[in-house]
Amino acid sequence: MRIAPPTTKFSVSTPRQPASRQDLARNHPDTGLATRGWLLQQVDQALADGARGGLFFIEVASALGLRERYGYAAFERLMTQAGTCLARTVAPAPLARLNDNSFLALLRDEDEASLERIAHDLRNSLAAQGFTMREDEQVQLRSAVGYAALSGGFEDAGSALEATERSALQARLHS
């Protein structure tokens, strides 16, 4: 039995152009978010360039409970919606989904004095949004947001990512 691949719906008023190889490597075909690999390359480049700005690790809380309550497919739709919400908040900066319930955003050339406010805005954007799970049920998402200034002396994207992840853990413990 052959199963047809999933189809993607596009607006009739704005036809989609064929994606270039670079676009495919840069953006996830289903969500439009940046891919993990591409975003981490951008972090490496920002560090090599001595850029200012910040790297943000956003962890959606209670992921296991949400997945158990609503099922895997509904949880995936929820995380796609959460990614879209976060991407709007950081636009035009890139945002990637790292795993089941975490996202990474790179805000290059941002005033490092504003990083805490941006983290607060990211938390609030998820908390303020109602996400539809069933016809008559909406959920609000809690999150922990960690960040690190690009000027923090990181050797590479891996060490910067680790610092933002530790920062998110601290945010979770203090909330």
Protein backbone atom coordinates (compact mmCIF):
# COMPACT_ATOMS: atom_id res chain seq x y z
CA MET A 1 0.00 0.00 0.00
CA ARG A 2 1.42 3.35 -1.02
CA ILE A 3 0.80 6.36 1.17
CA ALA A 4 0.73 9.75 -0.49
CA PRO A 5 3.01 12.38 1.02
CA PRO A 6 1.30 15.10 3.05
CA THR A 7 0.23 18.10 1.06
CA THR A 8 0.83 21.68 2.02
CA LYS A 9 -1.89 24.26 1.47
CA PHE A 10 -0.84 27.54 -0.07
CA SER A 11 -2.80 30.70 -0.59
CA VAL A 12 -4.19 31.00 -4.10
CA SER A 13 -3.49 34.72 -4.13
CA THR A 14 0.24 34.27 -3.49
CA PRO A 15 1.62 31.30 -5.41
CA ARG A 16 4.70 29.74 -3.91
CA GLN A 17 7.87 29.79 -5.93
CA PRO A 18 10.04 26.68 -6.03
CA ALA A 19 12.43 26.74 -3.11
CA SER A 20 16.13 27.03 -3.80
CA ARG A 21 18.60 24.64 -2.19
CA GLN A 22 19.65 27.46 0.12
CA ASP A 23 16.03 28.07 1.20
CA LEU A 24 15.56 24.37 1.88
CA ALA A 25 18.65 24.33 4.07
CA ARG A 26 17.65 27.56 5.77
CA ASN A 27 13.94 27.03 6.44
CA HIS A 28 11.98 24.02 7.57
CA PRO A 29 9.57 23.15 4.74
CA ASP A 30 6.55 22.62 7.01
CA THR A 31 6.92 25.45 9.52
CA GLY A 32 8.94 28.10 7.71
CA LEU A 33 11.13 28.45 10.80
CA ALA A 34 14.88 28.44 10.42
CA THR A 35 16.50 25.02 10.56
CA ARG A 36 18.62 24.19 13.58
CA GLY A 37 21.76 23.64 11.52
CA TRP A 38 21.44 26.89 9.60
CA LEU A 39 20.75 28.92 12.75
CA LEU A 40 23.75 27.43 14.55
CA GLN A 41 25.90 28.35 11.52
CA GLN A 42 24.59 31.91 11.86
CA VAL A 43 25.55 31.91 15.54
CA ASP A 44 29.07 30.75 14.65
CA GLN A 45 29.29 33.50 12.03
CA ALA A 46 28.01 36.16 14.45
CA LEU A 47 30.61 35.08 17.03
CA ALA A 48 33.39 35.12 14.40
CA ASP A 49 32.29 38.60 13.30
CA GLY A 50 32.31 39.90 16.88
CA ALA A 51 28.65 40.85 16.50
CA ARG A 52 26.59 42.26 19.35
CA GLY A 53 23.17 40.96 20.23
CA GLY A 54 21.81 37.91 21.95
CA LEU A 55 20.96 34.25 21.69
CA PHE A 56 17.68 33.15 23.29
CA PHE A 57 16.64 29.67 24.41
CA ILE A 58 12.87 29.35 24.88
CA GLU A 59 11.57 26.25 26.65
CA VAL A 60 7.81 25.62 26.70
CA ALA A 61 6.78 24.33 30.13
CA SER A 62 4.76 21.17 30.84
CA ALA A 63 5.46 19.59 27.47
CA LEU A 64 5.07 16.02 28.70
CA GLY A 65 1.71 16.77 30.32
CA LEU A 66 0.45 18.53 27.19
CA ARG A 67 1.54 15.63 24.98
CA GLU A 68 -0.10 13.08 27.29
CA ARG A 69 -3.34 15.05 27.59
CA TYR A 70 -3.84 15.97 23.92
CA GLY A 71 -1.81 13.35 22.05
CA TYR A 72 1.25 13.64 19.86
CA ALA A 73 -0.41 15.11 16.75
CA ALA A 74 -2.17 17.88 18.70
CA PHE A 75 1.03 18.59 20.63
CA GLU A 76 2.94 18.98 17.35
CA ARG A 77 0.31 21.41 16.05
CA LEU A 78 0.58 23.33 19.32
CA MET A 79 4.37 23.58 19.06
CA THR A 80 4.06 24.73 15.44
CA GLN A 81 1.66 27.46 16.59
CA ALA A 82 4.03 28.38 19.44
CA GLY A 83 6.91 28.64 16.96
CA THR A 84 4.86 30.92 14.74
CA CYS A 85 3.99 33.12 17.71
CA LEU A 86 7.64 33.35 18.81
CA ALA A 87 8.82 33.99 15.24
CA ARG A 88 6.46 36.97 15.00
CA THR A 89 7.88 38.31 18.26
CA VAL A 90 11.51 38.20 17.10
CA ALA A 91 10.94 39.01 13.42
CA PRO A 92 12.92 39.60 11.31
CA ALA A 93 15.44 37.64 13.42
CA PRO A 94 15.60 33.87 12.82
CA LEU A 95 13.99 31.33 15.14
CA ALA A 96 14.47 27.55 15.03
CA ARG A 97 12.80 24.70 16.86
CA LEU A 98 15.51 22.77 18.68
CA ASN A 99 13.51 19.81 19.93
CA ASP A 100 10.02 18.88 21.16
CA ASN A 101 9.49 21.94 23.32
CA SER A 102 12.37 24.35 22.86
CA PHE A 103 13.27 27.08 20.40
CA LEU A 104 16.35 29.15 19.69
CA ALA A 105 16.42 32.75 18.41
CA LEU A 106 19.40 34.79 17.28
CA LEU A 107 18.97 38.55 17.57
CA ARG A 108 22.09 39.91 15.94
CA ASP A 109 23.01 43.60 16.24
CA GLU A 110 20.56 44.07 19.11
CA ASP A 111 21.46 46.37 21.99
CA GLU A 112 22.70 43.98 24.67
CA ALA A 113 21.16 46.17 27.36
CA SER A 114 17.72 45.17 25.97
CA LEU A 115 18.20 41.38 26.13
CA GLU A 116 16.33 40.98 29.41
CA ARG A 117 13.37 42.94 28.03
CA ILE A 118 13.36 40.78 24.90
CA ALA A 119 13.34 37.61 27.04
CA HIS A 120 10.38 39.05 28.95
CA ASP A 121 8.60 39.84 25.65
CA LEU A 122 9.14 36.27 24.45
CA ARG A 123 7.66 34.82 27.66
CA ASN A 124 4.72 37.19 27.47
CA SER A 125 4.01 36.49 23.80
CA LEU A 126 3.37 32.83 24.59
CA ALA A 127 1.50 33.50 27.83
CA ALA A 128 -0.82 36.06 26.23
CA GLN A 129 -1.72 33.91 23.22
CA GLY A 130 -4.58 31.44 23.45
CA PHE A 131 -3.78 28.28 21.46
CA THR A 132 -6.76 26.21 20.31
CA MET A 133 -6.44 22.55 21.22
CA ARG A 134 -10.00 21.41 20.67
CA GLU A 135 -13.11 23.19 19.42
CA ASP A 136 -13.98 24.48 22.86
CA GLU A 137 -10.60 24.45 24.59
CA GLN A 138 -7.69 26.83 24.52
CA VAL A 139 -4.41 26.69 26.40
CA GLN A 140 -1.93 29.33 27.39
CA LEU A 141 1.69 28.32 27.40
CA ARG A 142 4.18 29.02 30.14
CA SER A 143 7.83 29.16 29.26
CA ALA A 144 11.30 29.76 30.59
CA VAL A 145 13.55 31.97 28.51
CA GLY A 146 17.30 32.05 28.86
CA TYR A 147 19.64 34.31 26.98
CA ALA A 148 23.29 35.10 26.52
CA ALA A 149 24.96 38.16 25.04
CA LEU A 150 26.97 37.37 21.91
CA SER A 151 29.83 39.38 23.41
CA GLY A 152 30.16 36.76 26.17
CA GLY A 153 33.40 35.36 24.76
CA PHE A 154 32.00 32.08 23.45
CA GLU A 155 34.28 29.88 21.37
CA ASP A 156 31.51 28.60 19.13
CA ALA A 157 27.77 28.11 18.73
CA GLY A 158 27.81 25.03 20.95
CA SER A 159 29.19 26.89 23.94
CA ALA A 160 26.79 29.80 23.38
CA LEU A 161 23.86 27.38 23.14
CA GLU A 162 24.95 25.68 26.35
CA ALA A 163 25.06 29.04 28.13
CA THR A 164 21.55 29.97 26.98
CA GLU A 165 20.25 26.56 28.02
CA ARG A 166 21.75 27.00 31.50
CA SER A 167 20.22 30.47 31.65
CA ALA A 168 16.78 29.01 30.79
CA LEU A 169 17.22 26.44 33.56
CA GLN A 170 17.95 29.25 36.01
CA ALA A 171 14.89 31.15 34.76
CA ARG A 172 12.74 28.03 35.28
CA LEU A 173 14.07 27.52 38.82
CA HIS A 174 13.36 31.14 39.76
CA SER A 175 9.86 31.41 38.30
